[in-house]
Amino acid sequence: TDIAGDLGILQGEGSGLTAEYLNKPTTRLQAA
């Protein structure tokens, strides 16, 4: 997840790549 954040693959929301965000189910929009 650190690497994904550094590469801009995952950008999180609000406070970034928090444990709460990382453990949320992925939506169709996010996959798109």
PDB file of all heavy atoms in Angstrom:
ATOM      1  N   THR A   1       0.832  -1.207   0.000  1.00  0.00           N
ATOM      2  CA  THR A   1       0.000   0.000   0.000  1.00  0.00           C
ATOM      3  C   THR A   1       0.869   1.261   0.000  1.00  0.00           C
ATOM      4  O   THR A   1       0.504   2.263  -0.607  1.00  0.00           O
ATOM      5  CB  THR A   1      -0.949   0.020   1.215  1.00  0.00           C
ATOM      6  OG1 THR A   1      -0.195  -0.168   2.422  1.00  0.00           O
ATOM      7  CG2 THR A   1      -1.984  -1.076   1.101  1.00  0.00           C
ATOM      8  N   ASP A   2       2.044   1.204   0.681  1.00  0.00           N
ATOM      9  CA  ASP A   2       2.976   2.334   0.644  1.00  0.00           C
ATOM     10  C   ASP A   2       3.424   2.579  -0.800  1.00  0.00           C
ATOM     11  O   ASP A   2       3.457   3.716  -1.282  1.00  0.00           O
ATOM     12  CB  ASP A   2       4.219   2.053   1.495  1.00  0.00           C
ATOM     13  CG  ASP A   2       3.916   1.943   2.973  1.00  0.00           C
ATOM     14  OD1 ASP A   2       2.941   2.573   3.427  1.00  0.00           O
ATOM     15  OD2 ASP A   2       4.663   1.240   3.678  1.00  0.00           O
ATOM     16  N   ILE A   3       3.786   1.495  -1.483  1.00  0.00           N
ATOM     17  CA  ILE A   3       4.270   1.598  -2.857  1.00  0.00           C
ATOM     18  C   ILE A   3       3.166   2.110  -3.771  1.00  0.00           C
ATOM     19  O   ILE A   3       3.385   2.990  -4.614  1.00  0.00           O
ATOM     20  CB  ILE A   3       4.776   0.229  -3.350  1.00  0.00           C
ATOM     21  CG1 ILE A   3       5.984  -0.212  -2.517  1.00  0.00           C
ATOM     22  CG2 ILE A   3       5.150   0.286  -4.824  1.00  0.00           C
ATOM     23  CD1 ILE A   3       6.424  -1.636  -2.772  1.00  0.00           C
ATOM     24  N   ALA A   4       1.953   1.570  -3.584  1.00  0.00           N
ATOM     25  CA  ALA A   4       0.820   2.017  -4.407  1.00  0.00           C
ATOM     26  C   ALA A   4       0.564   3.505  -4.212  1.00  0.00           C
ATOM     27  O   ALA A   4       0.226   4.219  -5.161  1.00  0.00           O
ATOM     28  CB  ALA A   4      -0.423   1.211  -4.059  1.00  0.00           C
ATOM     29  N   GLY A   5       0.735   3.973  -2.978  1.00  0.00           N
ATOM     30  CA  GLY A   5       0.569   5.403  -2.706  1.00  0.00           C
ATOM     31  C   GLY A   5       1.656   6.223  -3.361  1.00  0.00           C
ATOM     32  O   GLY A   5       1.390   7.274  -3.964  1.00  0.00           O
ATOM     33  N   ASP A   6       2.912   5.769  -3.268  1.00  0.00           N
ATOM     34  CA  ASP A   6       4.045   6.487  -3.871  1.00  0.00           C
ATOM     35  C   ASP A   6       3.906   6.581  -5.385  1.00  0.00           C
ATOM     36  O   ASP A   6       4.303   7.576  -6.000  1.00  0.00           O
ATOM     37  CB  ASP A   6       5.367   5.784  -3.527  1.00  0.00           C
ATOM     38  CG  ASP A   6       5.715   5.877  -2.050  1.00  0.00           C
ATOM     39  OD1 ASP A   6       5.130   6.737  -1.353  1.00  0.00           O
ATOM     40  OD2 ASP A   6       6.564   5.082  -1.594  1.00  0.00           O
ATOM     41  N   LEU A   7       3.339   5.524  -5.979  1.00  0.00           N
ATOM     42  CA  LEU A   7       3.189   5.501  -7.436  1.00  0.00           C
ATOM     43  C   LEU A   7       1.941   6.225  -7.916  1.00  0.00           C
ATOM     44  O   LEU A   7       1.728   6.388  -9.118  1.00  0.00           O
ATOM     45  CB  LEU A   7       3.143   4.045  -7.929  1.00  0.00           C
ATOM     46  CG  LEU A   7       4.415   3.208  -7.745  1.00  0.00           C
ATOM     47  CD1 LEU A   7       4.170   1.777  -8.167  1.00  0.00           C
ATOM     48  CD2 LEU A   7       5.570   3.808  -8.542  1.00  0.00           C
ATOM     49  N   GLY A   8       1.097   6.648  -6.971  1.00  0.00           N
ATOM     50  CA  GLY A   8      -0.133   7.334  -7.340  1.00  0.00           C
ATOM     51  C   GLY A   8      -1.244   6.383  -7.739  1.00  0.00           C
ATOM     52  O   GLY A   8      -2.289   6.810  -8.235  1.00  0.00           O
ATOM     53  N   ILE A   9      -1.029   5.079  -7.517  1.00  0.00           N
ATOM     54  CA  ILE A   9      -2.052   4.089  -7.861  1.00  0.00           C
ATOM     55  C   ILE A   9      -3.233   4.207  -6.913  1.00  0.00           C
ATOM     56  O   ILE A   9      -4.390   4.244  -7.314  1.00  0.00           O
ATOM     57  CB  ILE A   9      -1.448   2.668  -7.825  1.00  0.00           C
ATOM     58  CG1 ILE A   9      -0.441   2.509  -8.954  1.00  0.00           C
ATOM     59  CG2 ILE A   9      -2.538   1.600  -7.907  1.00  0.00           C
ATOM     60  CD1 ILE A   9       0.406   1.265  -8.843  1.00  0.00           C
ATOM     61  N   LEU A  10      -2.933   4.265  -5.618  1.00  0.00           N
ATOM     62  CA  LEU A  10      -3.954   4.508  -4.597  1.00  0.00           C
ATOM     63  C   LEU A  10      -3.751   5.910  -4.051  1.00  0.00           C
ATOM     64  O   LEU A  10      -2.631   6.282  -3.698  1.00  0.00           O
ATOM     65  CB  LEU A  10      -3.834   3.493  -3.457  1.00  0.00           C
ATOM     66  CG  LEU A  10      -4.429   2.101  -3.663  1.00  0.00           C
ATOM     67  CD1 LEU A  10      -4.249   1.280  -2.394  1.00  0.00           C
ATOM     68  CD2 LEU A  10      -5.897   2.160  -4.035  1.00  0.00           C
ATOM     69  N   GLN A  11      -4.815   6.677  -3.968  1.00  0.00           N
ATOM     70  CA  GLN A  11      -4.696   8.058  -3.502  1.00  0.00           C
ATOM     71  C   GLN A  11      -5.506   8.329  -2.246  1.00  0.00           C
ATOM     72  O   GLN A  11      -5.408   9.397  -1.659  1.00  0.00           O
ATOM     73  CB  GLN A  11      -5.101   9.006  -4.638  1.00  0.00           C
ATOM     74  CG  GLN A  11      -4.181   8.881  -5.837  1.00  0.00           C
ATOM     75  CD  GLN A  11      -4.629   9.679  -7.043  1.00  0.00           C
ATOM     76  OE1 GLN A  11      -5.624  10.396  -6.994  1.00  0.00           O
ATOM     77  NE2 GLN A  11      -3.907   9.539  -8.142  1.00  0.00           N
ATOM     78  N   GLY A  12      -6.309   7.343  -1.823  1.00  0.00           N
ATOM     79  CA  GLY A  12      -7.057   7.494  -0.577  1.00  0.00           C
ATOM     80  C   GLY A  12      -8.107   8.574  -0.664  1.00  0.00           C
ATOM     81  O   GLY A  12      -8.479   9.046  -1.737  1.00  0.00           O
ATOM     82  N   GLU A  13      -8.548   8.984   0.517  1.00  0.00           N
ATOM     83  CA  GLU A  13      -9.555  10.039   0.594  1.00  0.00           C
ATOM     84  C   GLU A  13      -9.395  10.745   1.930  1.00  0.00           C
ATOM     85  O   GLU A  13      -9.065  10.119   2.934  1.00  0.00           O
ATOM     86  CB  GLU A  13     -10.966   9.440   0.469  1.00  0.00           C
ATOM     87  CG  GLU A  13     -11.271   8.377   1.507  1.00  0.00           C
ATOM     88  CD  GLU A  13     -12.573   7.633   1.241  1.00  0.00           C
ATOM     89  OE1 GLU A  13     -13.108   7.746   0.120  1.00  0.00           O
ATOM     90  OE2 GLU A  13     -13.042   6.943   2.145  1.00  0.00           O
ATOM     91  N   GLY A  14      -9.600  12.036   1.976  1.00  0.00           N
ATOM     92  CA  GLY A  14      -9.483  12.763   3.237  1.00  0.00           C
ATOM     93  C   GLY A  14      -8.098  12.668   3.828  1.00  0.00           C
ATOM     94  O   GLY A  14      -7.185  13.382   3.422  1.00  0.00           O
ATOM     95  N   SER A  15      -7.908  11.749   4.752  1.00  0.00           N
ATOM     96  CA  SER A  15      -6.627  11.596   5.454  1.00  0.00           C
ATOM     97  C   SER A  15      -5.654  10.681   4.734  1.00  0.00           C
ATOM     98  O   SER A  15      -4.631  10.278   5.300  1.00  0.00           O
ATOM     99  CB  SER A  15      -6.878  11.054   6.877  1.00  0.00           C
ATOM    100  OG  SER A  15      -7.718  11.926   7.605  1.00  0.00           O
ATOM    101  N   GLY A  16      -5.956  10.314   3.491  1.00  0.00           N
ATOM    102  CA  GLY A  16      -5.037   9.492   2.716  1.00  0.00           C
ATOM    103  C   GLY A  16      -5.289   8.011   2.870  1.00  0.00           C
ATOM    104  O   GLY A  16      -6.422   7.566   3.059  1.00  0.00           O
ATOM    105  N   LEU A  17      -4.205   7.241   2.804  1.00  0.00           N
ATOM    106  CA  LEU A  17      -4.299   5.781   2.835  1.00  0.00           C
ATOM    107  C   LEU A  17      -4.388   5.274   4.268  1.00  0.00           C
ATOM    108  O   LEU A  17      -3.485   4.604   4.779  1.00  0.00           O
ATOM    109  CB  LEU A  17      -3.106   5.156   2.108  1.00  0.00           C
ATOM    110  CG  LEU A  17      -2.941   5.548   0.634  1.00  0.00           C
ATOM    111  CD1 LEU A  17      -1.725   4.869   0.029  1.00  0.00           C
ATOM    112  CD2 LEU A  17      -4.192   5.196  -0.164  1.00  0.00           C
ATOM    113  N   THR A  18      -5.481   5.578   4.910  1.00  0.00           N
ATOM    114  CA  THR A  18      -5.683   5.139   6.284  1.00  0.00           C
ATOM    115  C   THR A  18      -6.121   3.680   6.299  1.00  0.00           C
ATOM    116  O   THR A  18      -6.566   3.124   5.287  1.00  0.00           O
ATOM    117  CB  THR A  18      -6.771   5.978   6.967  1.00  0.00           C
ATOM    118  OG1 THR A  18      -8.007   5.803   6.247  1.00  0.00           O
ATOM    119  CG2 THR A  18      -6.400   7.461   6.972  1.00  0.00           C
ATOM    120  N   ALA A  19      -6.024   3.060   7.471  1.00  0.00           N
ATOM    121  CA  ALA A  19      -6.474   1.674   7.614  1.00  0.00           C
ATOM    122  C   ALA A  19      -7.961   1.574   7.280  1.00  0.00           C
ATOM    123  O   ALA A  19      -8.413   0.591   6.676  1.00  0.00           O
ATOM    124  CB  ALA A  19      -6.201   1.175   9.031  1.00  0.00           C
ATOM    125  N   GLU A  20      -8.722   2.602   7.658  1.00  0.00           N
ATOM    126  CA  GLU A  20     -10.160   2.612   7.381  1.00  0.00           C
ATOM    127  C   GLU A  20     -10.408   2.579   5.874  1.00  0.00           C
ATOM    128  O   GLU A  20     -11.237   1.816   5.379  1.00  0.00           O
ATOM    129  CB  GLU A  20     -10.812   3.842   7.997  1.00  0.00           C
ATOM    130  CG  GLU A  20     -12.313   3.914   7.764  1.00  0.00           C
ATOM    131  CD  GLU A  20     -12.938   5.195   8.324  1.00  0.00           C
ATOM    132  OE1 GLU A  20     -12.180   6.076   8.782  1.00  0.00           O
ATOM    133  OE2 GLU A  20     -14.172   5.304   8.296  1.00  0.00           O
ATOM    134  N   TYR A  21      -9.679   3.419   5.135  1.00  0.00           N
ATOM    135  CA  TYR A  21      -9.841   3.469   3.684  1.00  0.00           C
ATOM    136  C   TYR A  21      -9.405   2.155   3.047  1.00  0.00           C
ATOM    137  O   TYR A  21     -10.097   1.608   2.175  1.00  0.00           O
ATOM    138  CB  TYR A  21      -9.025   4.623   3.099  1.00  0.00           C
ATOM    139  CG  TYR A  21      -8.949   4.588   1.586  1.00  0.00           C
ATOM    140  CD1 TYR A  21     -10.013   5.029   0.807  1.00  0.00           C
ATOM    141  CD2 TYR A  21      -7.817   4.088   0.946  1.00  0.00           C
ATOM    142  CE1 TYR A  21      -9.951   4.976  -0.573  1.00  0.00           C
ATOM    143  CE2 TYR A  21      -7.750   4.032  -0.439  1.00  0.00           C
ATOM    144  CZ  TYR A  21      -8.817   4.472  -1.193  1.00  0.00           C
ATOM    145  OH  TYR A  21      -8.757   4.412  -2.556  1.00  0.00           O
ATOM    146  N   LEU A  22      -8.267   1.640   3.460  1.00  0.00           N
ATOM    147  CA  LEU A  22      -7.724   0.430   2.851  1.00  0.00           C
ATOM    148  C   LEU A  22      -8.622  -0.779   3.063  1.00  0.00           C
ATOM    149  O   LEU A  22      -8.621  -1.709   2.259  1.00  0.00           O
ATOM    150  CB  LEU A  22      -6.322   0.148   3.399  1.00  0.00           C
ATOM    151  CG  LEU A  22      -5.248   1.165   2.999  1.00  0.00           C
ATOM    152  CD1 LEU A  22      -3.962   0.902   3.758  1.00  0.00           C
ATOM    153  CD2 LEU A  22      -5.001   1.121   1.488  1.00  0.00           C
ATOM    154  N   ASN A  23      -9.390  -0.780   4.136  1.00  0.00           N
ATOM    155  CA  ASN A  23     -10.249  -1.920   4.433  1.00  0.00           C
ATOM    156  C   ASN A  23     -11.683  -1.743   3.948  1.00  0.00           C
ATOM    157  O   ASN A  23     -12.538  -2.576   4.226  1.00  0.00           O
ATOM    158  CB  ASN A  23     -10.228  -2.210   5.933  1.00  0.00           C
ATOM    159  CG  ASN A  23      -8.957  -2.936   6.342  1.00  0.00           C
ATOM    160  OD1 ASN A  23      -8.802  -4.129   6.064  1.00  0.00           O
ATOM    161  ND2 ASN A  23      -8.036  -2.223   6.973  1.00  0.00           N
ATOM    162  N   LYS A  24     -11.929  -0.666   3.206  1.00  0.00           N
ATOM    163  CA  LYS A  24     -13.251  -0.480   2.616  1.00  0.00           C
ATOM    164  C   LYS A  24     -13.389  -1.344   1.361  1.00  0.00           C
ATOM    165  O   LYS A  24     -12.420  -1.522   0.621  1.00  0.00           O
ATOM    166  CB  LYS A  24     -13.471   0.986   2.221  1.00  0.00           C
ATOM    167  CG  LYS A  24     -13.797   1.911   3.368  1.00  0.00           C
ATOM    168  CD  LYS A  24     -14.074   3.311   2.848  1.00  0.00           C
ATOM    169  CE  LYS A  24     -14.487   4.261   3.963  1.00  0.00           C
ATOM    170  NZ  LYS A  24     -14.752   5.623   3.446  1.00  0.00           N
ATOM    171  N   PRO A  25     -14.601  -1.875   1.116  1.00  0.00           N
ATOM    172  CA  PRO A  25     -14.825  -2.610  -0.138  1.00  0.00           C
ATOM    173  C   PRO A  25     -14.592  -1.691  -1.336  1.00  0.00           C
ATOM    174  O   PRO A  25     -14.937  -0.509  -1.305  1.00  0.00           O
ATOM    175  CB  PRO A  25     -16.298  -3.019  -0.051  1.00  0.00           C
ATOM    176  CG  PRO A  25     -16.615  -3.007   1.408  1.00  0.00           C
ATOM    177  CD  PRO A  25     -15.790  -1.892   1.986  1.00  0.00           C
ATOM    178  N   THR A  26     -13.974  -2.217  -2.378  1.00  0.00           N
ATOM    179  CA  THR A  26     -13.697  -1.441  -3.583  1.00  0.00           C
ATOM    180  C   THR A  26     -14.953  -1.351  -4.444  1.00  0.00           C
ATOM    181  O   THR A  26     -15.645  -2.342  -4.649  1.00  0.00           O
ATOM    182  CB  THR A  26     -12.575  -2.092  -4.396  1.00  0.00           C
ATOM    183  OG1 THR A  26     -11.402  -2.170  -3.577  1.00  0.00           O
ATOM    184  CG2 THR A  26     -12.254  -1.289  -5.651  1.00  0.00           C
ATOM    185  N   THR A  27     -15.220  -0.149  -4.946  1.00  0.00           N
ATOM    186  CA  THR A  27     -16.418   0.060  -5.766  1.00  0.00           C
ATOM    187  C   THR A  27     -16.103  -0.074  -7.254  1.00  0.00           C
ATOM    188  O   THR A  27     -14.942  -0.032  -7.676  1.00  0.00           O
ATOM    189  CB  THR A  27     -17.007   1.455  -5.523  1.00  0.00           C
ATOM    190  OG1 THR A  27     -16.062   2.447  -5.969  1.00  0.00           O
ATOM    191  CG2 THR A  27     -17.304   1.668  -4.039  1.00  0.00           C
ATOM    192  N   ARG A  28     -17.163  -0.207  -8.046  1.00  0.00           N
ATOM    193  CA  ARG A  28     -17.011  -0.264  -9.506  1.00  0.00           C
ATOM    194  C   ARG A  28     -16.366   1.017 -10.031  1.00  0.00           C
ATOM    195  O   ARG A  28     -15.557   0.975 -10.961  1.00  0.00           O
ATOM    196  CB  ARG A  28     -18.386  -0.466 -10.168  1.00  0.00           C
ATOM    197  CG  ARG A  28     -18.871  -1.907 -10.130  1.00  0.00           C
ATOM    198  CD  ARG A  28     -20.285  -2.040 -10.690  1.00  0.00           C
ATOM    199  NE  ARG A  28     -20.477  -1.373 -11.970  1.00  0.00           N
ATOM    200  CZ  ARG A  28     -20.082  -1.864 -13.152  1.00  0.00           C
ATOM    201  NH1 ARG A  28     -19.469  -3.032 -13.196  1.00  0.00           N
ATOM    202  NH2 ARG A  28     -20.314  -1.189 -14.256  1.00  0.00           N
ATOM    203  N   LEU A  29     -16.725   2.142  -9.425  1.00  0.00           N
ATOM    204  CA  LEU A  29     -16.131   3.408  -9.860  1.00  0.00           C
ATOM    205  C   LEU A  29     -14.624   3.406  -9.626  1.00  0.00           C
ATOM    206  O   LEU A  29     -13.847   3.810 -10.492  1.00  0.00           O
ATOM    207  CB  LEU A  29     -16.781   4.572  -9.118  1.00  0.00           C
ATOM    208  CG  LEU A  29     -16.190   5.956  -9.409  1.00  0.00           C
ATOM    209  CD1 LEU A  29     -16.329   6.318 -10.887  1.00  0.00           C
ATOM    210  CD2 LEU A  29     -16.849   7.019  -8.548  1.00  0.00           C
ATOM    211  N   GLN A  30     -14.200   2.953  -8.448  1.00  0.00           N
ATOM    212  CA  GLN A  30     -12.766   2.914  -8.157  1.00  0.00           C
ATOM    213  C   GLN A  30     -12.035   1.998  -9.129  1.00  0.00           C
ATOM    214  O   GLN A  30     -10.942   2.324  -9.594  1.00  0.00           O
ATOM    215  CB  GLN A  30     -12.542   2.438  -6.727  1.00  0.00           C
ATOM    216  CG  GLN A  30     -12.925   3.457  -5.669  1.00  0.00           C
ATOM    217  CD  GLN A  30     -12.876   2.860  -4.269  1.00  0.00           C
ATOM    218  OE1 GLN A  30     -13.564   1.897  -3.974  1.00  0.00           O
ATOM    219  NE2 GLN A  30     -12.065   3.443  -3.417  1.00  0.00           N
ATOM    220  N   ALA A  31     -12.646   0.864  -9.443  1.00  0.00           N
ATOM    221  CA  ALA A  31     -12.021  -0.061 -10.388  1.00  0.00           C
ATOM    222  C   ALA A  31     -11.920   0.565 -11.778  1.00  0.00           C
ATOM    223  O   ALA A  31     -10.921   0.392 -12.485  1.00  0.00           O
ATOM    224  CB  ALA A  31     -12.819  -1.357 -10.451  1.00  0.00           C
ATOM    225  N   ALA A  32     -12.960   1.305 -12.158  1.00  0.00           N
ATOM    226  CA  ALA A  32     -12.949   1.968 -13.463  1.00  0.00           C
ATOM    227  C   ALA A  32     -11.854   3.032 -13.522  1.00  0.00           C
ATOM    228  O   ALA A  32     -11.128   3.136 -14.519  1.00  0.00           O
ATOM    229  CB  ALA A  32     -14.315   2.601 -13.728  1.00  0.00           C
TER     230      ALA A  32
END
